[in-house]
Amino acid sequence: MLVSDAGAALSSIFLLVMLALGELQLWQVYLATVLNAACQAFQWPAAAAAVPLLVPRRSWVGPTG
């Protein structure tokens, strides 16, 4: 999860740097979007699997028990 979050952050930083330098082009936006989507493809299932391991079982049931 940490690696995929770092990859998504790097794609955003890349876009910010290119914009600040005035060198931002459309293909760079596409590249950053693909990288971000690939990172999300790994991050979402990992987060969905980690939540049941981190949340106590008694919290799974609503307040009515």
PDB file of N, CA and C in Angstrom:
ATOM      1  N   MET A   1       0.830  -1.184   0.000  1.00  0.00           N
ATOM      2  CA  MET A   1       0.000   0.000   0.000  1.00  0.00           C
ATOM      3  C   MET A   1       0.880   1.255   0.000  1.00  0.00           C
ATOM      4  N   LEU A   2       1.956   1.189   0.732  1.00  0.00           N
ATOM      5  CA  LEU A   2       2.842   2.344   0.816  1.00  0.00           C
ATOM      6  C   LEU A   2       3.476   2.652  -0.540  1.00  0.00           C
ATOM      7  N   VAL A   3       3.875   1.622  -1.260  1.00  0.00           N
ATOM      8  CA  VAL A   3       4.500   1.822  -2.572  1.00  0.00           C
ATOM      9  C   VAL A   3       3.497   2.399  -3.566  1.00  0.00           C
ATOM     10  N   SER A   4       2.272   1.898  -3.534  1.00  0.00           N
ATOM     11  CA  SER A   4       1.270   2.418  -4.474  1.00  0.00           C
ATOM     12  C   SER A   4       0.888   3.860  -4.137  1.00  0.00           C
ATOM     13  N   ASP A   5       0.822   4.190  -2.857  1.00  0.00           N
ATOM     14  CA  ASP A   5       0.553   5.584  -2.483  1.00  0.00           C
ATOM     15  C   ASP A   5       1.712   6.487  -2.904  1.00  0.00           C
ATOM     16  N   ALA A   6       2.932   5.996  -2.757  1.00  0.00           N
ATOM     17  CA  ALA A   6       4.098   6.784  -3.169  1.00  0.00           C
ATOM     18  C   ALA A   6       4.099   6.992  -4.685  1.00  0.00           C
ATOM     19  N   GLY A   7       3.727   5.973  -5.432  1.00  0.00           N
ATOM     20  CA  GLY A   7       3.655   6.111  -6.891  1.00  0.00           C
ATOM     21  C   GLY A   7       2.617   7.134  -7.312  1.00  0.00           C
ATOM     22  N   ALA A   8       1.470   7.105  -6.658  1.00  0.00           N
ATOM     23  CA  ALA A   8       0.439   8.094  -6.969  1.00  0.00           C
ATOM     24  C   ALA A   8       0.907   9.505  -6.606  1.00  0.00           C
ATOM     25  N   ALA A   9       1.609   9.636  -5.497  1.00  0.00           N
ATOM     26  CA  ALA A   9       2.133  10.944  -5.099  1.00  0.00           C
ATOM     27  C   ALA A   9       3.179  11.437  -6.094  1.00  0.00           C
ATOM     28  N   LEU A  10       4.026  10.536  -6.546  1.00  0.00           N
ATOM     29  CA  LEU A  10       5.051  10.928  -7.520  1.00  0.00           C
ATOM     30  C   LEU A  10       4.437  11.396  -8.833  1.00  0.00           C
ATOM     31  N   SER A  11       3.354  10.755  -9.247  1.00  0.00           N
ATOM     32  CA  SER A  11       2.708  11.202 -10.483  1.00  0.00           C
ATOM     33  C   SER A  11       2.126  12.607 -10.323  1.00  0.00           C
ATOM     34  N   SER A  12       1.587  12.889  -9.152  1.00  0.00           N
ATOM     35  CA  SER A  12       1.061  14.239  -8.902  1.00  0.00           C
ATOM     36  C   SER A  12       2.183  15.260  -8.814  1.00  0.00           C
ATOM     37  N   ILE A  13       3.275  14.904  -8.165  1.00  0.00           N
ATOM     38  CA  ILE A  13       4.421  15.813  -8.060  1.00  0.00           C
ATOM     39  C   ILE A  13       5.015  16.076  -9.442  1.00  0.00           C
ATOM     40  N   PHE A  14       5.078  15.036 -10.261  1.00  0.00           N
ATOM     41  CA  PHE A  14       5.579  15.184 -11.628  1.00  0.00           C
ATOM     42  C   PHE A  14       4.747  16.219 -12.383  1.00  0.00           C
ATOM     43  N   LEU A  15       3.419  16.113 -12.280  1.00  0.00           N
ATOM     44  CA  LEU A  15       2.557  17.088 -12.963  1.00  0.00           C
ATOM     45  C   LEU A  15       2.765  18.499 -12.423  1.00  0.00           C
ATOM     46  N   LEU A  16       2.914  18.620 -11.126  1.00  0.00           N
ATOM     47  CA  LEU A  16       3.124  19.929 -10.517  1.00  0.00           C
ATOM     48  C   LEU A  16       4.431  20.553 -10.995  1.00  0.00           C
ATOM     49  N   VAL A  17       5.482  19.764 -11.052  1.00  0.00           N
ATOM     50  CA  VAL A  17       6.776  20.279 -11.507  1.00  0.00           C
ATOM     51  C   VAL A  17       6.703  20.698 -12.973  1.00  0.00           C
ATOM     52  N   MET A  18       6.095  19.861 -13.799  1.00  0.00           N
ATOM     53  CA  MET A  18       5.992  20.200 -15.217  1.00  0.00           C
ATOM     54  C   MET A  18       5.153  21.466 -15.421  1.00  0.00           C
ATOM     55  N   LEU A  19       4.109  21.618 -14.630  1.00  0.00           N
ATOM     56  CA  LEU A  19       3.280  22.824 -14.718  1.00  0.00           C
ATOM     57  C   LEU A  19       4.069  24.050 -14.267  1.00  0.00           C
ATOM     58  N   ALA A  20       4.827  23.918 -13.180  1.00  0.00           N
ATOM     59  CA  ALA A  20       5.607  25.046 -12.674  1.00  0.00           C
ATOM     60  C   ALA A  20       6.694  25.459 -13.658  1.00  0.00           C
ATOM     61  N   LEU A  21       7.251  24.500 -14.386  1.00  0.00           N
ATOM     62  CA  LEU A  21       8.277  24.806 -15.374  1.00  0.00           C
ATOM     63  C   LEU A  21       7.696  25.301 -16.692  1.00  0.00           C
ATOM     64  N   GLY A  22       6.377  25.213 -16.831  1.00  0.00           N
ATOM     65  CA  GLY A  22       5.728  25.623 -18.065  1.00  0.00           C
ATOM     66  C   GLY A  22       5.916  24.621 -19.192  1.00  0.00           C
ATOM     67  N   GLU A  23       6.231  23.390 -18.854  1.00  0.00           N
ATOM     68  CA  GLU A  23       6.509  22.349 -19.844  1.00  0.00           C
ATOM     69  C   GLU A  23       5.431  21.262 -19.881  1.00  0.00           C
ATOM     70  N   LEU A  24       4.316  21.487 -19.244  1.00  0.00           N
ATOM     71  CA  LEU A  24       3.277  20.462 -19.169  1.00  0.00           C
ATOM     72  C   LEU A  24       2.642  20.239 -20.535  1.00  0.00           C
ATOM     73  N   GLN A  25       2.608  18.975 -20.949  1.00  0.00           N
ATOM     74  CA  GLN A  25       2.004  18.603 -22.225  1.00  0.00           C
ATOM     75  C   GLN A  25       0.942  17.548 -21.968  1.00  0.00           C
ATOM     76  N   LEU A  26       0.086  17.356 -22.934  1.00  0.00           N
ATOM     77  CA  LEU A  26      -1.029  16.437 -22.774  1.00  0.00           C
ATOM     78  C   LEU A  26      -0.563  15.009 -22.535  1.00  0.00           C
ATOM     79  N   TRP A  27       0.482  14.563 -23.218  1.00  0.00           N
ATOM     80  CA  TRP A  27       0.935  13.187 -23.040  1.00  0.00           C
ATOM     81  C   TRP A  27       1.441  12.952 -21.616  1.00  0.00           C
ATOM     82  N   GLN A  28       1.952  13.995 -20.971  1.00  0.00           N
ATOM     83  CA  GLN A  28       2.409  13.866 -19.590  1.00  0.00           C
ATOM     84  C   GLN A  28       1.224  13.691 -18.633  1.00  0.00           C
ATOM     85  N   VAL A  29       0.136  14.361 -18.940  1.00  0.00           N
ATOM     86  CA  VAL A  29      -1.079  14.190 -18.129  1.00  0.00           C
ATOM     87  C   VAL A  29      -1.605  12.767 -18.291  1.00  0.00           C
ATOM     88  N   TYR A  30      -1.599  12.260 -19.529  1.00  0.00           N
ATOM     89  CA  TYR A  30      -2.022  10.876 -19.767  1.00  0.00           C
ATOM     90  C   TYR A  30      -1.125   9.891 -19.022  1.00  0.00           C
ATOM     91  N   LEU A  31       0.173  10.111 -19.080  1.00  0.00           N
ATOM     92  CA  LEU A  31       1.118   9.231 -18.400  1.00  0.00           C
ATOM     93  C   LEU A  31       0.886   9.221 -16.891  1.00  0.00           C
ATOM     94  N   ALA A  32       0.701  10.391 -16.306  1.00  0.00           N
ATOM     95  CA  ALA A  32       0.458  10.488 -14.866  1.00  0.00           C
ATOM     96  C   ALA A  32      -0.873   9.841 -14.492  1.00  0.00           C
ATOM     97  N   THR A  33      -1.867   9.970 -15.349  1.00  0.00           N
ATOM     98  CA  THR A  33      -3.166   9.349 -15.085  1.00  0.00           C
ATOM     99  C   THR A  33      -3.065   7.834 -15.126  1.00  0.00           C
ATOM    100  N   VAL A  34      -2.327   7.311 -16.080  1.00  0.00           N
ATOM    101  CA  VAL A  34      -2.140   5.851 -16.172  1.00  0.00           C
ATOM    102  C   VAL A  34      -1.386   5.338 -14.948  1.00  0.00           C
ATOM    103  N   LEU A  35      -0.334   6.052 -14.549  1.00  0.00           N
ATOM    104  CA  LEU A  35       0.421   5.648 -13.359  1.00  0.00           C
ATOM    105  C   LEU A  35      -0.453   5.689 -12.117  1.00  0.00           C
ATOM    106  N   ASN A  36      -1.244   6.734 -11.988  1.00  0.00           N
ATOM    107  CA  ASN A  36      -2.138   6.859 -10.835  1.00  0.00           C
ATOM    108  C   ASN A  36      -3.176   5.734 -10.818  1.00  0.00           C
ATOM    109  N   ALA A  37      -3.730   5.398 -11.972  1.00  0.00           N
ATOM    110  CA  ALA A  37      -4.717   4.323 -12.053  1.00  0.00           C
ATOM    111  C   ALA A  37      -4.084   2.965 -11.736  1.00  0.00           C
ATOM    112  N   ALA A  38      -2.860   2.746 -12.199  1.00  0.00           N
ATOM    113  CA  ALA A  38      -2.166   1.494 -11.887  1.00  0.00           C
ATOM    114  C   ALA A  38      -1.893   1.379 -10.393  1.00  0.00           C
ATOM    115  N   CYS A  39      -1.526   2.482  -9.786  1.00  0.00           N
ATOM    116  CA  CYS A  39      -1.299   2.461  -8.331  1.00  0.00           C
ATOM    117  C   CYS A  39      -2.599   2.192  -7.585  1.00  0.00           C
ATOM    118  N   GLN A  40      -3.697   2.787  -8.037  1.00  0.00           N
ATOM    119  CA  GLN A  40      -4.996   2.547  -7.403  1.00  0.00           C
ATOM    120  C   GLN A  40      -5.436   1.099  -7.559  1.00  0.00           C
ATOM    121  N   ALA A  41      -5.066   0.473  -8.684  1.00  0.00           N
ATOM    122  CA  ALA A  41      -5.429  -0.928  -8.915  1.00  0.00           C
ATOM    123  C   ALA A  41      -4.782  -1.841  -7.878  1.00  0.00           C
ATOM    124  N   PHE A  42      -3.630  -1.452  -7.358  1.00  0.00           N
ATOM    125  CA  PHE A  42      -2.986  -2.237  -6.308  1.00  0.00           C
ATOM    126  C   PHE A  42      -3.403  -1.778  -4.917  1.00  0.00           C
ATOM    127  N   GLN A  43      -3.628  -0.491  -4.748  1.00  0.00           N
ATOM    128  CA  GLN A  43      -3.917   0.053  -3.426  1.00  0.00           C
ATOM    129  C   GLN A  43      -5.302  -0.310  -2.933  1.00  0.00           C
ATOM    130  N   TRP A  44      -6.302  -0.239  -3.780  1.00  0.00           N
ATOM    131  CA  TRP A  44      -7.669  -0.486  -3.319  1.00  0.00           C
ATOM    132  C   TRP A  44      -7.875  -1.905  -2.795  1.00  0.00           C
ATOM    133  N   PRO A  45      -7.481  -2.959  -3.504  1.00  0.00           N
ATOM    134  CA  PRO A  45      -7.670  -4.301  -2.941  1.00  0.00           C
ATOM    135  C   PRO A  45      -6.867  -4.522  -1.660  1.00  0.00           C
ATOM    136  N   ALA A  46      -5.682  -3.933  -1.588  1.00  0.00           N
ATOM    137  CA  ALA A  46      -4.878  -4.081  -0.374  1.00  0.00           C
ATOM    138  C   ALA A  46      -5.558  -3.398   0.813  1.00  0.00           C
ATOM    139  N   ALA A  47      -6.123  -2.230   0.588  1.00  0.00           N
ATOM    140  CA  ALA A  47      -6.824  -1.531   1.663  1.00  0.00           C
ATOM    141  C   ALA A  47      -8.087  -2.287   2.063  1.00  0.00           C
ATOM    142  N   ALA A  48      -8.806  -2.827   1.090  1.00  0.00           N
ATOM    143  CA  ALA A  48     -10.022  -3.590   1.398  1.00  0.00           C
ATOM    144  C   ALA A  48      -9.700  -4.850   2.194  1.00  0.00           C
ATOM    145  N   ALA A  49      -8.555  -5.452   1.938  1.00  0.00           N
ATOM    146  CA  ALA A  49      -8.158  -6.648   2.686  1.00  0.00           C
ATOM    147  C   ALA A  49      -7.607  -6.290   4.060  1.00  0.00           C
ATOM    148  N   ALA A  50      -7.005  -5.121   4.203  1.00  0.00           N
ATOM    149  CA  ALA A  50      -6.386  -4.739   5.462  1.00  0.00           C
ATOM    150  C   ALA A  50      -7.401  -4.267   6.497  1.00  0.00           C
ATOM    151  N   VAL A  51      -8.486  -3.663   6.085  1.00  0.00           N
ATOM    152  CA  VAL A  51      -9.452  -3.115   7.041  1.00  0.00           C
ATOM    153  C   VAL A  51     -10.010  -4.185   7.976  1.00  0.00           C
ATOM    154  N   PRO A  52     -10.444  -5.350   7.497  1.00  0.00           N
ATOM    155  CA  PRO A  52     -10.933  -6.357   8.446  1.00  0.00           C
ATOM    156  C   PRO A  52      -9.859  -6.858   9.412  1.00  0.00           C
ATOM    157  N   LEU A  53      -8.608  -6.766   9.020  1.00  0.00           N
ATOM    158  CA  LEU A  53      -7.533  -7.176   9.921  1.00  0.00           C
ATOM    159  C   LEU A  53      -7.242  -6.123  10.984  1.00  0.00           C
ATOM    160  N   LEU A  54      -7.537  -4.873  10.695  1.00  0.00           N
ATOM    161  CA  LEU A  54      -7.225  -3.783  11.610  1.00  0.00           C
ATOM    162  C   LEU A  54      -8.386  -3.409  12.531  1.00  0.00           C
ATOM    163  N   VAL A  55      -9.615  -3.642  12.077  1.00  0.00           N
ATOM    164  CA  VAL A  55     -10.792  -3.269  12.858  1.00  0.00           C
ATOM    165  C   VAL A  55     -11.227  -4.475  13.692  1.00  0.00           C
ATOM    166  N   PRO A  56     -11.438  -4.286  15.000  1.00  0.00           N
ATOM    167  CA  PRO A  56     -11.871  -5.412  15.825  1.00  0.00           C
ATOM    168  C   PRO A  56     -13.205  -5.984  15.349  1.00  0.00           C
ATOM    169  N   ARG A  57     -13.372  -7.289  15.501  1.00  0.00           N
ATOM    170  CA  ARG A  57     -14.559  -7.974  15.014  1.00  0.00           C
ATOM    171  C   ARG A  57     -15.839  -7.427  15.661  1.00  0.00           C
ATOM    172  N   ARG A  58     -15.791  -7.034  16.924  1.00  0.00           N
ATOM    173  CA  ARG A  58     -16.985  -6.509  17.594  1.00  0.00           C
ATOM    174  C   ARG A  58     -17.477  -5.206  16.977  1.00  0.00           C
ATOM    175  N   SER A  59     -16.621  -4.523  16.204  1.00  0.00           N
ATOM    176  CA  SER A  59     -17.003  -3.272  15.544  1.00  0.00           C
ATOM    177  C   SER A  59     -17.714  -3.511  14.234  1.00  0.00           C
ATOM    178  N   TRP A  60     -17.716  -4.752  13.742  1.00  0.00           N
ATOM    179  CA  TRP A  60     -18.344  -5.043  12.461  1.00  0.00           C
ATOM    180  C   TRP A  60     -19.862  -4.940  12.535  1.00  0.00           C
ATOM    181  N   VAL A  61     -20.439  -5.191  13.682  1.00  0.00           N
ATOM    182  CA  VAL A  61     -21.893  -5.198  13.841  1.00  0.00           C
ATOM    183  C   VAL A  61     -22.321  -3.777  14.214  1.00  0.00           C
ATOM    184  N   GLY A  62     -23.477  -3.391  13.723  1.00  0.00           N
ATOM    185  CA  GLY A  62     -24.000  -2.064  14.002  1.00  0.00           C
ATOM    186  C   GLY A  62     -24.300  -1.853  15.470  1.00  0.00           C
ATOM    187  N   PRO A  63     -24.767  -0.667  15.839  1.00  0.00           N
ATOM    188  CA  PRO A  63     -25.013  -0.334  17.246  1.00  0.00           C
ATOM    189  C   PRO A  63     -26.129  -1.157  17.878  1.00  0.00           C
ATOM    190  N   THR A  64     -27.004  -1.763  17.058  1.00  0.00           N
ATOM    191  CA  THR A  64     -28.088  -2.554  17.639  1.00  0.00           C
ATOM    192  C   THR A  64     -27.625  -3.944  18.029  1.00  0.00           C
ATOM    193  N   GLY A  65     -26.414  -4.328  17.620  1.00  0.00           N
ATOM    194  CA  GLY A  65     -25.808  -5.570  18.065  1.00  0.00           C
ATOM    195  C   GLY A  65     -26.181  -6.726  17.257  1.00  0.00           C
TER     196      GLY A  65
END
